[in-house]
Amino acid sequence: MRMALITTAAFATSACTFPQAYDPEPTSVYQWERRQEGIQRREAERVRLCGMMNKDSDRYKRDCNRPGDPN
């Protein structure tokens, strides 16, 4: 009984320390700008890396093909 209580308490308190399952929407103009700049940086890096990959590889097909991209 005591072990079950300790285990339950540990799970209940550890849930507070885990990060959120999603990123909350930005609330200020500055936060939106930072979000958009981050998205643009990640996309530019993806395009740069895809430009260096062998276009016949499985990794290229998995990481570089996006819906709407020309084949």
C-alpha atoms as a PDB file:
ATOM      1  CA  MET A   1       0.000   0.000   0.000  1.00  0.00           C
ATOM      2  CA  ARG A   2       2.760   2.380   0.951  1.00  0.00           C
ATOM      3  CA  MET A   3       4.725   1.594  -2.233  1.00  0.00           C
ATOM      4  CA  ALA A   4       1.636   2.228  -4.374  1.00  0.00           C
ATOM      5  CA  LEU A   5       1.137   5.596  -2.683  1.00  0.00           C
ATOM      6  CA  ILE A   6       4.765   6.586  -3.293  1.00  0.00           C
ATOM      7  CA  THR A   7       4.570   5.494  -6.918  1.00  0.00           C
ATOM      8  CA  THR A   8       1.342   7.420  -7.474  1.00  0.00           C
ATOM      9  CA  ALA A   9       2.807  10.536  -5.870  1.00  0.00           C
ATOM     10  CA  ALA A  10       5.939  10.249  -8.019  1.00  0.00           C
ATOM     11  CA  PHE A  11       3.915  10.000 -11.228  1.00  0.00           C
ATOM     12  CA  ALA A  12       1.642  12.860 -10.210  1.00  0.00           C
ATOM     13  CA  THR A  13       4.520  15.236  -9.472  1.00  0.00           C
ATOM     14  CA  SER A  14       6.642  14.182 -12.457  1.00  0.00           C
ATOM     15  CA  ALA A  15       3.863  15.123 -14.890  1.00  0.00           C
ATOM     16  CA  CYS A  16       4.405  18.763 -13.941  1.00  0.00           C
ATOM     17  CA  THR A  17       8.034  18.671 -15.046  1.00  0.00           C
ATOM     18  CA  PHE A  18       7.486  17.368 -18.585  1.00  0.00           C
ATOM     19  CA  PRO A  19       7.337  19.973 -21.357  1.00  0.00           C
ATOM     20  CA  GLN A  20       4.103  20.758 -23.137  1.00  0.00           C
ATOM     21  CA  ALA A  21       3.077  18.443 -25.966  1.00  0.00           C
ATOM     22  CA  TYR A  22       2.766  21.441 -28.280  1.00  0.00           C
ATOM     23  CA  ASP A  23       4.158  24.935 -28.641  1.00  0.00           C
ATOM     24  CA  PRO A  24       1.630  27.532 -27.597  1.00  0.00           C
ATOM     25  CA  GLU A  25       0.722  30.150 -30.181  1.00  0.00           C
ATOM     26  CA  PRO A  26       2.795  33.337 -29.950  1.00  0.00           C
ATOM     27  CA  THR A  27       0.960  36.216 -28.326  1.00  0.00           C
ATOM     28  CA  SER A  28       3.013  39.227 -29.432  1.00  0.00           C
ATOM     29  CA  VAL A  29       4.214  40.549 -32.759  1.00  0.00           C
ATOM     30  CA  TYR A  30       7.819  39.925 -31.708  1.00  0.00           C
ATOM     31  CA  GLN A  31       7.066  36.267 -30.900  1.00  0.00           C
ATOM     32  CA  TRP A  32       5.324  35.789 -34.258  1.00  0.00           C
ATOM     33  CA  GLU A  33       8.301  37.314 -36.045  1.00  0.00           C
ATOM     34  CA  ARG A  34      10.746  35.039 -34.238  1.00  0.00           C
ATOM     35  CA  ARG A  35       8.551  32.027 -35.034  1.00  0.00           C
ATOM     36  CA  GLN A  36       8.420  32.881 -38.726  1.00  0.00           C
ATOM     37  CA  GLU A  37      12.173  33.527 -38.884  1.00  0.00           C
ATOM     38  CA  GLY A  38      12.795  30.144 -37.271  1.00  0.00           C
ATOM     39  CA  ILE A  39      10.572  28.421 -39.806  1.00  0.00           C
ATOM     40  CA  GLN A  40      12.358  30.197 -42.664  1.00  0.00           C
ATOM     41  CA  ARG A  41      15.795  29.246 -41.264  1.00  0.00           C
ATOM     42  CA  ARG A  42      14.828  25.576 -40.909  1.00  0.00           C
ATOM     43  CA  GLU A  43      13.388  25.467 -44.419  1.00  0.00           C
ATOM     44  CA  ALA A  44      16.481  27.160 -45.900  1.00  0.00           C
ATOM     45  CA  GLU A  45      18.701  24.621 -44.118  1.00  0.00           C
ATOM     46  CA  ARG A  46      16.560  21.737 -45.411  1.00  0.00           C
ATOM     47  CA  VAL A  47      16.803  23.072 -48.973  1.00  0.00           C
ATOM     48  CA  ARG A  48      20.574  23.568 -48.608  1.00  0.00           C
ATOM     49  CA  LEU A  49      21.123  20.028 -47.326  1.00  0.00           C
ATOM     50  CA  CYS A  50      18.834  18.539 -49.967  1.00  0.00           C
ATOM     51  CA  GLY A  51      20.861  20.309 -52.649  1.00  0.00           C
ATOM     52  CA  MET A  52      23.950  18.375 -51.540  1.00  0.00           C
ATOM     53  CA  MET A  53      22.299  14.936 -51.359  1.00  0.00           C
ATOM     54  CA  ASN A  54      22.205  12.259 -54.023  1.00  0.00           C
ATOM     55  CA  LYS A  55      18.766  12.625 -55.571  1.00  0.00           C
ATOM     56  CA  ASP A  56      18.393   8.856 -56.019  1.00  0.00           C
ATOM     57  CA  SER A  57      18.981   8.002 -52.355  1.00  0.00           C
ATOM     58  CA  ASP A  58      16.287   6.872 -49.948  1.00  0.00           C
ATOM     59  CA  ARG A  59      17.242   9.655 -47.549  1.00  0.00           C
ATOM     60  CA  TYR A  60      16.603  12.279 -50.235  1.00  0.00           C
ATOM     61  CA  LYS A  61      13.208  10.775 -50.987  1.00  0.00           C
ATOM     62  CA  ARG A  62      12.332  10.699 -47.295  1.00  0.00           C
ATOM     63  CA  ASP A  63      13.658  14.115 -46.214  1.00  0.00           C
ATOM     64  CA  CYS A  64      13.447  16.293 -49.308  1.00  0.00           C
ATOM     65  CA  ASN A  65      10.208  15.509 -51.087  1.00  0.00           C
ATOM     66  CA  ARG A  66       7.399  17.812 -50.051  1.00  0.00           C
ATOM     67  CA  PRO A  67       3.831  17.907 -51.357  1.00  0.00           C
ATOM     68  CA  GLY A  68       3.713  20.331 -54.273  1.00  0.00           C
ATOM     69  CA  ASP A  69       7.442  20.207 -54.993  1.00  0.00           C
ATOM     70  CA  PRO A  70       8.307  19.649 -58.655  1.00  0.00           C
ATOM     71  CA  ASN A  71       9.730  16.161 -59.249  1.00  0.00           C
END
